[in-house]
Amino acid sequence: MKILCLLLLAAFASVALAKKEKCRSKDKGVIEHFNGRANEVTIPCKYNALKHQQCGPYFITLTPGNVWLGERYYLNSLWLSVEHETSGKKWDFRTTNKLALKHYRSEGSRSLFNEKTNNADDEFEYGLENGKGPTSFIQDKGGKYFKLTFDPWLSIKKKGNKMDRKVSAHANFEFQCFAEEKEDYIDYPEQICGGFNKKVLDRATEPPYNLQSNHRVTIIYYDILMSDVLQTDERCFNASNMIKNNCGDLDQQLLVLKNCMAILAKPKDTQCVTYYSCHPMDTFNACLEWGCGGFDKDHPSCHKLGEAIDLCSDITGPGNITERLRDSHCYKEFSTGKAKYHTVQD
């Protein structure tokens, strides 16, 4: 009996480990890493979930793109690049909620991907999971090495008093590598999904950052904006450009991000700024521009930021951008949901 129990425990441990070896997204911008840990990626921009990750004979880069729609972040797009190790052939794919939805509703007769290559069908196969969907997939021929699935964001439908479980309120992706000869998973920060060793929290608390543990989201913002991801959205491109080129040294960059990050990272604050601005990145970028300019009260972005967050409750996190605006007096009519006044501490 004892031997049987040990075998069962080993089997359960093996299954648990296998379940962890997935890179996948969850609702509200959460990414679960290969090591089973999870972090929020609350920014309406692109980021490398995988970057040149080897899986059998393939090197895979997976770049999701988020959008903010009213109350939370949604996965909206996936860019997939696959390169063959020996032949050097490369294939590039892009799908979106719209493409995946059309693929599902047409029962697979509409293309799932926009492709930059013409011979992808010789190397890969894709379709509806179990022939039904709404989950779509792409994998190498036969699925020996890897598989990527994508659940499109669909409207929820009701059948009487019950939910139709074939549809989803948010989009998700899941990547798995099956290759026995795969290389070790590349650690964070090279790819958001990381490996089994380096964790976001480790990076935040270790030199040269030396941040407190509650600053891990600051590091995620830093690593996304400082990465080589080609941001196709103009707002995201401008944010990355400011942090890289207009924001002084590391200390200044981290100071700016820890004060500005709550604009995007806290839903109630993000919702508030969108009442007075077309897009939360406009407010975030105004904050970056002001901070990279040294939080100078005479900087025009100080007044612009004041207009954007006027009447919002205190926007706080590792830093407190509301306090900085109060102290600067750059926006004379500034008022918030909390009247208590504090002195800014860096």
Protein backbone atom coordinates (compact mmCIF):
# COMPACT_ATOMS: atom_id res chain seq x y z
CA MET A 1 0.00 0.00 0.00
CA LYS A 2 2.85 2.36 0.88
CA ILE A 3 4.52 1.70 -2.49
CA LEU A 4 1.24 2.39 -4.29
CA CYS A 5 0.86 5.70 -2.43
CA LEU A 6 4.39 6.71 -3.36
CA LEU A 7 3.76 5.86 -7.01
CA LEU A 8 0.57 7.91 -6.98
CA LEU A 9 2.36 10.85 -5.38
CA ALA A 10 5.11 10.64 -7.99
CA ALA A 11 2.51 10.54 -10.76
CA PHE A 12 0.70 13.56 -9.35
CA ALA A 13 4.01 15.43 -8.99
CA SER A 14 4.86 14.62 -12.60
CA VAL A 15 1.48 15.91 -13.81
CA ALA A 16 1.84 19.07 -11.72
CA LEU A 17 5.27 19.74 -13.19
CA ALA A 18 4.01 19.15 -16.72
CA LYS A 19 1.18 21.61 -16.14
CA LYS A 20 3.67 24.26 -15.13
CA GLU A 21 5.60 23.97 -18.38
CA LYS A 22 3.23 26.29 -20.16
CA CYS A 23 3.42 29.92 -21.11
CA ARG A 24 -0.13 31.23 -21.02
CA SER A 25 -2.22 34.31 -20.51
CA LYS A 26 -5.14 34.76 -18.19
CA ASP A 27 -7.78 37.41 -17.78
CA LYS A 28 -6.91 41.04 -16.90
CA GLY A 29 -3.39 41.00 -18.35
CA VAL A 30 -2.04 38.15 -16.19
CA ILE A 31 0.73 35.97 -17.62
CA GLU A 32 1.59 32.59 -16.12
CA HIS A 33 5.24 31.66 -16.61
CA PHE A 34 6.79 28.28 -17.36
CA ASN A 35 7.62 27.98 -13.65
CA GLY A 36 3.96 28.30 -12.68
CA ARG A 37 4.31 31.79 -11.20
CA ALA A 38 2.24 34.65 -12.55
CA ASN A 39 2.51 38.42 -12.97
CA GLU A 40 0.27 41.14 -14.31
CA VAL A 41 1.32 42.72 -17.60
CA THR A 42 -0.97 45.72 -17.37
CA ILE A 43 0.10 47.79 -20.34
CA PRO A 44 -1.82 48.17 -23.63
CA CYS A 45 1.25 47.43 -25.74
CA LYS A 46 3.23 44.52 -27.18
CA TYR A 47 5.75 42.43 -25.24
CA ASN A 48 7.83 39.30 -25.78
CA ALA A 49 6.16 36.35 -24.08
CA LEU A 50 8.82 34.21 -25.81
CA LYS A 51 11.98 35.41 -27.49
CA HIS A 52 14.00 33.06 -29.67
CA GLN A 53 13.04 30.16 -27.42
CA GLN A 54 14.34 26.87 -28.81
CA CYS A 55 11.87 24.02 -29.06
CA GLY A 56 13.23 21.05 -31.03
CA PRO A 57 14.51 22.35 -34.38
CA TYR A 58 12.61 25.64 -34.04
CA PHE A 59 13.38 29.02 -32.49
CA ILE A 60 10.13 30.69 -31.47
CA THR A 61 9.27 34.30 -30.69
CA LEU A 62 5.76 35.04 -29.46
CA THR A 63 4.64 38.65 -29.07
CA PRO A 64 1.17 39.30 -27.63
CA GLY A 65 -0.48 42.71 -27.78
CA ASN A 66 -2.90 44.00 -25.14
CA VAL A 67 -5.62 46.64 -25.41
CA TRP A 68 -7.50 48.53 -22.69
CA LEU A 69 -11.25 48.52 -23.21
CA GLY A 70 -13.18 50.49 -20.63
CA GLU A 71 -12.56 48.46 -17.51
CA ARG A 72 -9.71 46.01 -18.00
CA TYR A 73 -6.95 44.74 -20.30
CA TYR A 74 -7.69 42.29 -23.07
CA LEU A 75 -5.35 40.22 -25.20
CA ASN A 76 -6.04 41.42 -28.72
CA SER A 77 -3.28 40.13 -31.00
CA LEU A 78 -0.51 37.56 -31.35
CA TRP A 79 2.63 37.80 -33.47
CA LEU A 80 4.40 34.47 -33.97
CA SER A 81 7.82 34.09 -35.56
CA VAL A 82 9.32 30.63 -36.12
CA GLU A 83 12.82 29.94 -37.45
CA HIS A 84 14.20 26.51 -38.36
CA GLU A 85 17.56 25.81 -36.76
CA THR A 86 19.24 24.02 -39.68
CA SER A 87 17.55 25.36 -42.82
CA GLY A 88 17.37 28.95 -41.60
CA LYS A 89 13.84 29.24 -42.98
CA LYS A 90 11.63 31.72 -41.14
CA TRP A 91 7.88 32.05 -40.92
CA ASP A 92 5.94 35.01 -39.53
CA PHE A 93 2.30 34.90 -38.51
CA ARG A 94 -0.12 37.39 -37.03
CA THR A 95 -3.59 36.80 -35.68
CA THR A 96 -6.10 38.96 -33.84
CA ASN A 97 -9.41 38.52 -32.07
CA LYS A 98 -11.15 39.51 -35.30
CA LEU A 99 -9.30 36.94 -37.44
CA ALA A 100 -9.75 34.17 -34.88
CA LEU A 101 -13.45 34.97 -34.54
CA LYS A 102 -13.97 34.83 -38.31
CA HIS A 103 -12.00 31.57 -38.40
CA TYR A 104 -14.28 30.11 -35.72
CA ARG A 105 -17.57 31.32 -37.15
CA SER A 106 -16.68 30.08 -40.63
CA GLU A 107 -15.77 26.68 -39.13
CA GLY A 108 -12.19 27.09 -40.28
CA SER A 109 -12.82 28.18 -43.86
CA ARG A 110 -11.42 31.67 -43.15
CA SER A 111 -7.69 32.07 -42.56
CA LEU A 112 -6.56 32.16 -38.93
CA PHE A 113 -3.33 34.05 -39.66
CA ASN A 114 -1.98 36.77 -41.85
CA GLU A 115 1.28 35.25 -43.09
CA LYS A 116 4.39 36.80 -44.58
CA THR A 117 5.43 33.51 -46.20
CA ASN A 118 3.82 31.32 -48.83
CA ASN A 119 5.09 27.89 -47.83
CA ALA A 120 3.93 27.75 -44.21
CA ASP A 121 1.43 24.98 -44.97
CA ASP A 122 4.34 22.65 -45.78
CA GLU A 123 5.72 23.02 -42.25
CA PHE A 124 2.75 23.81 -39.97
CA GLU A 125 -0.89 23.02 -39.50
CA TYR A 126 -3.62 25.00 -37.84
CA GLY A 127 -7.34 24.82 -37.27
CA LEU A 128 -10.07 24.63 -34.66
CA GLU A 129 -9.29 22.64 -31.51
CA ASN A 130 -11.09 19.28 -31.73
CA GLY A 131 -12.54 20.48 -35.02
CA LYS A 132 -14.99 22.73 -33.17
CA GLY A 133 -13.44 25.71 -31.43
CA PRO A 134 -13.67 28.46 -30.50
CA THR A 135 -10.07 27.67 -29.57
CA SER A 136 -7.77 27.81 -32.59
CA PHE A 137 -4.30 26.28 -32.77
CA ILE A 138 -1.09 26.23 -34.77
CA GLN A 139 1.61 23.58 -34.43
CA ASP A 140 4.36 21.90 -36.38
CA LYS A 141 3.19 19.07 -38.66
CA GLY A 142 2.04 16.29 -36.36
CA GLY A 143 2.45 18.40 -33.22
CA LYS A 144 5.73 16.77 -32.24
CA TYR A 145 7.50 19.90 -31.06
CA PHE A 146 5.16 22.74 -30.08
CA LYS A 147 1.59 23.95 -30.02
CA LEU A 148 0.11 27.43 -29.65
CA THR A 149 -3.60 27.86 -28.92
CA PHE A 150 -5.62 31.07 -29.04
CA ASP A 151 -9.05 31.62 -27.51
CA PRO A 152 -10.61 34.67 -29.16
CA TRP A 153 -12.49 37.23 -27.14
CA LEU A 154 -16.13 36.60 -27.93
CA SER A 155 -19.40 37.97 -26.66
CA ILE A 156 -20.98 35.97 -23.86
CA LYS A 157 -24.25 34.37 -24.87
CA LYS A 158 -26.90 32.90 -22.65
CA LYS A 159 -29.05 29.85 -23.22
CA GLY A 160 -31.95 30.43 -20.90
CA ASN A 161 -30.42 30.96 -17.48
CA LYS A 162 -27.12 29.25 -18.40
CA MET A 163 -23.95 30.51 -20.02
CA ASP A 164 -22.96 29.19 -23.42
CA ARG A 165 -19.59 27.68 -22.52
CA LYS A 166 -18.41 27.73 -26.13
CA VAL A 167 -17.69 31.44 -25.92
CA SER A 168 -15.33 33.46 -23.79
CA ALA A 169 -15.44 36.93 -22.21
CA HIS A 170 -11.73 37.46 -22.84
CA ALA A 171 -8.99 36.19 -25.11
CA ASN A 172 -6.18 33.89 -24.00
CA PHE A 173 -3.21 32.08 -25.48
CA GLU A 174 -1.28 29.03 -24.34
CA PHE A 175 2.10 27.81 -25.60
CA GLN A 176 3.56 24.37 -24.94
CA CYS A 177 6.83 22.82 -26.01
CA PHE A 178 6.80 19.03 -26.30
CA ALA A 179 10.30 18.52 -27.69
CA GLU A 180 12.50 16.35 -25.49
CA GLU A 181 15.58 18.00 -26.96
CA LYS A 182 14.39 21.53 -26.18
CA GLU A 183 16.84 23.95 -24.66
CA ASP A 184 16.24 25.30 -21.15
CA TYR A 185 13.57 27.96 -21.04
CA ILE A 186 15.13 31.40 -21.37
CA ASP A 187 14.93 33.28 -18.10
CA TYR A 188 13.20 36.58 -17.46
CA PRO A 189 13.75 39.37 -18.56
CA GLU A 190 14.60 38.11 -22.05
CA GLN A 191 11.07 36.76 -22.24
CA ILE A 192 8.12 37.52 -19.98
CA CYS A 193 7.27 33.83 -19.60
CA GLY A 194 10.76 33.29 -18.22
CA GLY A 195 12.37 30.03 -17.23
CA PHE A 196 12.57 28.11 -13.99
CA ASN A 197 15.32 30.17 -12.40
CA LYS A 198 15.07 33.94 -12.61
CA LYS A 199 11.88 35.50 -11.26
CA VAL A 200 10.54 39.03 -11.67
CA LEU A 201 10.74 39.58 -7.93
CA ASP A 202 14.41 38.50 -7.87
CA ARG A 203 15.25 41.02 -10.55
CA ALA A 204 13.47 43.85 -8.73
CA THR A 205 15.15 43.29 -5.38
CA GLU A 206 18.67 42.55 -6.65
CA PRO A 207 21.35 45.04 -7.86
CA PRO A 208 21.35 47.37 -9.68
CA TYR A 209 17.64 47.92 -8.95
CA ASN A 210 17.49 47.20 -5.19
CA LEU A 211 13.75 47.85 -5.08
CA GLN A 212 11.24 46.70 -2.51
CA SER A 213 9.25 43.59 -3.31
CA ASN A 214 6.10 45.57 -4.12
CA HIS A 215 7.97 47.20 -7.03
CA ARG A 216 7.95 44.10 -9.24
CA VAL A 217 5.44 45.71 -11.62
CA THR A 218 7.83 48.65 -11.99
CA ILE A 219 10.45 46.23 -13.28
CA ILE A 220 7.98 44.66 -15.75
CA TYR A 221 7.21 48.12 -17.16
CA TYR A 222 10.91 48.91 -17.34
CA ASP A 223 11.76 45.67 -19.13
CA ILE A 224 8.94 46.01 -21.66
CA LEU A 225 9.64 49.65 -22.51
CA MET A 226 13.41 49.10 -22.64
CA SER A 227 13.15 45.98 -24.81
CA ASP A 228 13.67 45.71 -28.56
CA VAL A 229 10.01 44.90 -29.25
CA LEU A 230 8.82 46.86 -32.27
CA GLN A 231 5.89 48.84 -30.87
CA THR A 232 3.47 49.40 -33.74
CA ASP A 233 1.10 51.53 -31.66
CA GLU A 234 2.29 55.15 -31.73
CA ARG A 235 1.56 55.71 -28.04
CA CYS A 236 3.55 52.63 -27.04
CA PHE A 237 6.39 53.62 -29.37
CA ASN A 238 6.51 57.08 -27.78
CA ALA A 239 6.53 55.64 -24.26
CA SER A 240 9.42 53.32 -25.10
CA ASN A 241 11.32 56.11 -26.83
CA MET A 242 10.97 58.44 -23.84
CA ILE A 243 12.23 55.91 -21.31
CA LYS A 244 15.13 54.84 -23.52
CA ASN A 245 16.29 58.20 -24.81
CA ASN A 246 14.86 61.07 -22.77
CA CYS A 247 14.92 59.86 -19.19
CA GLY A 248 18.46 60.12 -17.89
CA ASP A 249 20.02 57.31 -15.90
CA LEU A 250 18.56 54.17 -14.32
CA ASP A 251 17.66 55.93 -11.07
CA GLN A 252 15.64 58.55 -12.96
CA GLN A 253 13.93 55.92 -15.13
CA LEU A 254 12.87 53.88 -12.09
CA LEU A 255 11.72 56.98 -10.21
CA VAL A 256 9.54 57.98 -13.14
CA LEU A 257 8.06 54.51 -13.61
CA LYS A 258 7.29 53.94 -9.94
CA ASN A 259 5.37 57.23 -9.90
CA CYS A 260 3.57 56.76 -13.23
CA MET A 261 2.87 53.01 -13.27
CA ALA A 262 -0.33 53.16 -11.19
CA ILE A 263 -2.02 55.07 -14.02
CA LEU A 264 -2.01 51.82 -15.99
CA ALA A 265 -1.60 49.19 -13.29
CA LYS A 266 -4.61 50.00 -11.09
CA PRO A 267 -7.98 49.53 -12.85
CA LYS A 268 -9.81 52.19 -10.85
CA ASP A 269 -7.17 54.77 -11.77
CA THR A 270 -7.04 53.65 -15.40
CA GLN A 271 -10.81 53.89 -15.63
CA CYS A 272 -10.75 57.38 -14.13
CA VAL A 273 -8.18 58.85 -16.51
CA THR A 274 -10.11 57.48 -19.50
CA TYR A 275 -13.09 59.60 -18.48
CA TYR A 276 -11.06 62.69 -19.40
CA SER A 277 -8.70 61.28 -22.03
CA CYS A 278 -9.21 59.15 -25.14
CA HIS A 279 -6.66 56.55 -24.10
CA PRO A 280 -4.86 55.75 -20.81
CA MET A 281 -1.51 55.78 -22.61
CA ASP A 282 -2.01 59.52 -23.29
CA THR A 283 -2.07 60.13 -19.54
CA PHE A 284 0.75 57.66 -18.88
CA ASN A 285 2.90 59.33 -21.53
CA ALA A 286 2.20 62.77 -20.11
CA CYS A 287 3.42 61.43 -16.77
CA LEU A 288 6.55 59.93 -18.37
CA GLU A 289 7.27 63.17 -20.20
CA TRP A 290 6.92 65.22 -17.02
CA GLY A 291 9.02 62.78 -14.97
CA CYS A 292 11.74 62.46 -17.59
CA GLY A 293 11.83 66.26 -17.58
CA GLY A 294 12.69 66.15 -13.89
CA PHE A 295 9.15 66.72 -12.55
CA ASP A 296 9.71 70.43 -13.25
CA LYS A 297 6.60 72.47 -12.34
CA ASP A 298 7.11 74.63 -15.42
CA HIS A 299 7.14 71.65 -17.78
CA PRO A 300 4.05 71.76 -20.04
CA SER A 301 3.31 68.06 -19.39
CA CYS A 302 2.78 68.83 -15.71
CA HIS A 303 -0.30 70.89 -16.55
CA LYS A 304 -1.40 68.29 -19.13
CA LEU A 305 -1.17 65.53 -16.54
CA GLY A 306 -3.05 67.65 -14.01
CA GLU A 307 -5.93 68.05 -16.44
CA ALA A 308 -6.01 64.29 -17.05
CA ILE A 309 -6.12 63.14 -13.42
CA ASP A 310 -8.08 66.07 -12.01
CA LEU A 311 -10.95 64.78 -9.83
CA CYS A 312 -9.50 61.24 -9.71
CA SER A 313 -8.73 59.77 -6.30
CA ASP A 314 -5.09 59.78 -5.25
CA ILE A 315 -3.10 57.75 -7.78
CA THR A 316 -0.63 55.88 -5.62
CA GLY A 317 1.60 52.84 -5.80
CA PRO A 318 5.32 52.60 -5.10
CA GLY A 319 5.21 56.35 -5.79
CA ASN A 320 2.49 58.98 -5.62
CA ILE A 321 2.01 61.09 -8.73
CA THR A 322 -0.97 62.91 -7.19
CA GLU A 323 1.22 64.28 -4.39
CA ARG A 324 3.79 65.46 -6.89
CA LEU A 325 1.14 67.39 -8.79
CA ARG A 326 -0.17 68.98 -5.60
CA ASP A 327 3.33 70.00 -4.59
CA SER A 328 4.16 71.42 -8.01
CA HIS A 329 1.13 73.76 -8.17
CA CYS A 330 1.45 73.62 -11.95
CA TYR A 331 -2.28 73.00 -12.34
CA LYS A 332 -4.04 75.59 -10.20
CA GLU A 333 -7.50 73.99 -10.37
CA PHE A 334 -6.22 70.56 -9.35
CA SER A 335 -8.64 68.64 -7.17
CA THR A 336 -8.90 64.95 -6.25
CA GLY A 337 -11.27 62.64 -4.50
CA LYS A 338 -9.02 62.85 -1.41
CA ALA A 339 -8.25 66.28 -0.06
CA LYS A 340 -5.60 65.20 2.44
CA TYR A 341 -2.26 66.84 1.62
CA HIS A 342 1.08 65.08 1.96
CA THR A 343 4.70 65.95 1.28
CA VAL A 344 6.35 64.04 -1.54
CA GLN A 345 9.01 61.48 -0.63
CA ASP A 346 11.23 60.04 -3.39
